[in-house]
N, C-alpha and C. Protein backbone atom coordinates (compact mmCIF):
# COMPACT_ATOMS: atom_id res chain seq x y z
N MET A 1 0.84 -1.18 0.00
CA MET A 1 0.00 0.00 0.00
C MET A 1 0.89 1.25 0.00
N LEU A 2 0.46 2.25 -0.72
CA LEU A 2 1.22 3.50 -0.80
C LEU A 2 1.08 4.29 0.49
N ASP A 3 2.16 4.92 0.93
CA ASP A 3 2.09 5.78 2.10
C ASP A 3 1.83 7.23 1.71
N ARG A 4 1.68 7.48 0.42
CA ARG A 4 1.32 8.81 -0.09
C ARG A 4 0.50 8.61 -1.36
N LYS A 5 -0.13 9.69 -1.80
CA LYS A 5 -0.94 9.60 -3.01
C LYS A 5 -0.06 9.62 -4.25
N LEU A 6 -0.45 8.84 -5.23
CA LEU A 6 0.24 8.78 -6.51
C LEU A 6 -0.17 10.01 -7.32
N LYS A 7 0.79 10.79 -7.78
CA LYS A 7 0.52 12.00 -8.57
C LYS A 7 0.36 11.62 -10.03
N VAL A 8 -0.82 11.88 -10.57
CA VAL A 8 -1.17 11.47 -11.93
C VAL A 8 -1.35 12.69 -12.82
N GLY A 9 -0.77 12.64 -14.01
CA GLY A 9 -0.98 13.66 -15.03
C GLY A 9 -1.69 13.03 -16.21
N ILE A 10 -2.59 13.78 -16.84
CA ILE A 10 -3.38 13.25 -17.95
C ILE A 10 -3.24 14.15 -19.16
N CYS A 11 -2.79 13.56 -20.26
CA CYS A 11 -2.73 14.27 -21.54
C CYS A 11 -4.07 14.11 -22.24
N GLY A 12 -4.53 15.17 -22.87
CA GLY A 12 -5.81 15.11 -23.57
C GLY A 12 -6.98 15.05 -22.60
N ALA A 13 -6.89 15.76 -21.50
CA ALA A 13 -7.86 15.65 -20.41
C ALA A 13 -9.24 16.21 -20.73
N ALA A 14 -9.40 16.94 -21.82
CA ALA A 14 -10.71 17.49 -22.18
C ALA A 14 -11.47 16.59 -23.14
N GLY A 15 -10.84 15.53 -23.61
CA GLY A 15 -11.51 14.59 -24.50
C GLY A 15 -12.35 13.59 -23.72
N ARG A 16 -13.07 12.73 -24.43
CA ARG A 16 -13.93 11.75 -23.75
C ARG A 16 -13.14 10.84 -22.82
N MET A 17 -12.05 10.27 -23.30
CA MET A 17 -11.24 9.38 -22.48
C MET A 17 -10.54 10.15 -21.36
N GLY A 18 -10.05 11.35 -21.67
CA GLY A 18 -9.39 12.17 -20.66
C GLY A 18 -10.32 12.52 -19.51
N LYS A 19 -11.55 12.89 -19.82
CA LYS A 19 -12.53 13.21 -18.78
C LYS A 19 -12.79 12.00 -17.91
N MET A 20 -12.91 10.83 -18.52
CA MET A 20 -13.13 9.61 -17.77
C MET A 20 -11.95 9.32 -16.83
N LEU A 21 -10.73 9.55 -17.33
CA LEU A 21 -9.55 9.33 -16.51
C LEU A 21 -9.50 10.30 -15.33
N VAL A 22 -9.84 11.56 -15.56
CA VAL A 22 -9.90 12.53 -14.46
C VAL A 22 -10.90 12.05 -13.41
N GLN A 23 -12.06 11.61 -13.84
CA GLN A 23 -13.08 11.11 -12.91
C GLN A 23 -12.55 9.93 -12.09
N GLN A 24 -11.85 9.02 -12.72
CA GLN A 24 -11.32 7.86 -12.02
C GLN A 24 -10.22 8.24 -11.02
N VAL A 25 -9.37 9.17 -11.40
CA VAL A 25 -8.31 9.62 -10.47
C VAL A 25 -8.96 10.22 -9.22
N VAL A 26 -10.00 11.02 -9.41
CA VAL A 26 -10.69 11.64 -8.27
C VAL A 26 -11.34 10.59 -7.38
N ARG A 27 -11.87 9.54 -7.98
CA ARG A 27 -12.56 8.49 -7.22
C ARG A 27 -11.60 7.54 -6.50
N THR A 28 -10.34 7.54 -6.89
CA THR A 28 -9.36 6.64 -6.31
C THR A 28 -8.69 7.32 -5.12
N ASN A 29 -8.79 6.71 -3.96
CA ASN A 29 -8.28 7.32 -2.72
C ASN A 29 -6.78 7.50 -2.70
N HIS A 30 -6.04 6.67 -3.40
CA HIS A 30 -4.58 6.74 -3.33
C HIS A 30 -3.94 7.50 -4.49
N SER A 31 -4.73 8.32 -5.21
CA SER A 31 -4.17 9.11 -6.31
C SER A 31 -4.71 10.53 -6.28
N GLN A 32 -3.96 11.43 -6.92
CA GLN A 32 -4.40 12.82 -7.06
C GLN A 32 -3.97 13.34 -8.41
N LEU A 33 -4.78 14.20 -8.99
CA LEU A 33 -4.45 14.80 -10.27
C LEU A 33 -3.46 15.94 -10.05
N CYS A 34 -2.31 15.87 -10.71
CA CYS A 34 -1.30 16.91 -10.53
C CYS A 34 -1.14 17.77 -11.78
N GLY A 35 -1.71 17.36 -12.90
CA GLY A 35 -1.60 18.12 -14.13
C GLY A 35 -2.48 17.53 -15.21
N ALA A 36 -2.83 18.38 -16.17
CA ALA A 36 -3.69 17.94 -17.27
C ALA A 36 -3.41 18.82 -18.48
N THR A 37 -3.32 18.19 -19.64
CA THR A 37 -3.02 18.95 -20.85
C THR A 37 -4.14 18.85 -21.88
N VAL A 38 -4.16 19.83 -22.76
CA VAL A 38 -5.05 19.86 -23.92
C VAL A 38 -4.23 20.40 -25.09
N ILE A 39 -4.75 20.28 -26.30
CA ILE A 39 -4.05 20.85 -27.44
C ILE A 39 -4.12 22.38 -27.39
N GLU A 40 -3.21 23.01 -28.06
CA GLU A 40 -3.04 24.47 -28.00
C GLU A 40 -4.34 25.25 -28.23
N ASN A 41 -5.13 24.84 -29.21
CA ASN A 41 -6.33 25.62 -29.56
C ASN A 41 -7.62 25.05 -28.97
N ASP A 42 -7.53 24.20 -27.97
CA ASP A 42 -8.73 23.63 -27.34
C ASP A 42 -9.51 24.73 -26.62
N PRO A 43 -10.82 24.80 -26.78
CA PRO A 43 -11.61 25.85 -26.13
C PRO A 43 -11.63 25.75 -24.60
N SER A 44 -11.30 24.60 -24.04
CA SER A 44 -11.29 24.46 -22.58
C SER A 44 -9.93 24.79 -21.97
N ARG A 45 -8.99 25.21 -22.80
CA ARG A 45 -7.66 25.61 -22.31
C ARG A 45 -7.81 26.67 -21.22
N GLY A 46 -7.14 26.47 -20.09
CA GLY A 46 -7.21 27.41 -18.98
C GLY A 46 -8.32 27.11 -17.99
N CYS A 47 -9.23 26.21 -18.34
CA CYS A 47 -10.32 25.82 -17.43
C CYS A 47 -9.83 24.79 -16.43
N ASP A 48 -10.57 24.62 -15.35
CA ASP A 48 -10.24 23.62 -14.34
C ASP A 48 -10.58 22.22 -14.87
N ALA A 49 -9.63 21.31 -14.76
CA ALA A 49 -9.81 19.94 -15.29
C ALA A 49 -10.98 19.22 -14.63
N GLY A 50 -11.17 19.43 -13.34
CA GLY A 50 -12.28 18.79 -12.64
C GLY A 50 -13.63 19.30 -13.10
N GLU A 51 -13.74 20.60 -13.33
CA GLU A 51 -14.99 21.16 -13.81
C GLU A 51 -15.31 20.66 -15.21
N VAL A 52 -14.31 20.56 -16.07
CA VAL A 52 -14.52 20.05 -17.43
C VAL A 52 -14.96 18.59 -17.39
N ALA A 53 -14.42 17.82 -16.44
CA ALA A 53 -14.76 16.40 -16.31
C ALA A 53 -16.04 16.17 -15.52
N GLY A 54 -16.60 17.22 -14.95
CA GLY A 54 -17.86 17.09 -14.23
C GLY A 54 -17.73 16.60 -12.79
N VAL A 55 -16.54 16.76 -12.19
CA VAL A 55 -16.35 16.30 -10.81
C VAL A 55 -16.10 17.45 -9.83
N GLY A 56 -16.24 18.67 -10.28
CA GLY A 56 -16.01 19.82 -9.42
C GLY A 56 -14.59 20.35 -9.53
N ARG A 57 -14.41 21.51 -8.97
CA ARG A 57 -13.12 22.22 -9.05
C ARG A 57 -12.02 21.43 -8.34
N LEU A 58 -10.89 21.24 -9.05
CA LEU A 58 -9.74 20.53 -8.50
C LEU A 58 -8.51 21.42 -8.34
N GLY A 59 -8.54 22.60 -8.95
CA GLY A 59 -7.38 23.48 -8.89
C GLY A 59 -6.28 23.09 -9.86
N VAL A 60 -6.62 22.28 -10.85
CA VAL A 60 -5.67 21.86 -11.89
C VAL A 60 -6.17 22.42 -13.21
N LEU A 61 -5.42 23.36 -13.78
CA LEU A 61 -5.84 23.99 -15.02
C LEU A 61 -5.38 23.18 -16.23
N LEU A 62 -6.20 23.18 -17.26
CA LEU A 62 -5.85 22.52 -18.52
C LEU A 62 -4.87 23.41 -19.27
N ARG A 63 -3.70 22.88 -19.54
CA ARG A 63 -2.63 23.64 -20.18
C ARG A 63 -2.14 22.92 -21.44
N PRO A 64 -1.63 23.67 -22.42
CA PRO A 64 -1.17 23.04 -23.64
C PRO A 64 0.21 22.39 -23.53
N SER A 65 1.03 22.81 -22.60
CA SER A 65 2.39 22.27 -22.49
C SER A 65 2.45 21.21 -21.39
N PRO A 66 2.95 20.02 -21.70
CA PRO A 66 3.03 18.96 -20.70
C PRO A 66 4.27 19.01 -19.81
N VAL A 67 5.17 19.95 -20.03
CA VAL A 67 6.45 19.96 -19.32
C VAL A 67 6.26 19.97 -17.80
N ASP A 68 5.50 20.93 -17.28
CA ASP A 68 5.28 21.01 -15.82
C ASP A 68 4.57 19.76 -15.29
N MET A 69 3.63 19.25 -16.06
CA MET A 69 2.90 18.06 -15.65
C MET A 69 3.85 16.87 -15.50
N PHE A 70 4.71 16.68 -16.50
CA PHE A 70 5.64 15.55 -16.46
C PHE A 70 6.64 15.68 -15.29
N GLU A 71 7.01 16.90 -14.96
CA GLU A 71 7.95 17.11 -13.86
C GLU A 71 7.33 16.81 -12.50
N SER A 72 6.01 17.02 -12.36
CA SER A 72 5.37 16.81 -11.05
C SER A 72 4.68 15.46 -10.92
N ALA A 73 4.45 14.77 -12.02
CA ALA A 73 3.75 13.47 -11.95
C ALA A 73 4.72 12.34 -11.59
N ASP A 74 4.15 11.32 -10.97
CA ASP A 74 4.96 10.13 -10.68
C ASP A 74 5.05 9.29 -11.92
């Protein structure tokens, strides 16, 4: 068992599969969303990933660059 939460980053978080993955990360007690990306011209760019996925505000903004996400994710 983990003694801390697994930090998960999701690429394409505004798509159908990405939204589902965000929902699953939120539902899993031993994980937390640390970053989420979208393509440069996605209309949800800058929005909260949890709100886009329908699970409420998570404080993780959808960004086009994955660099920060990859640095903070496990």
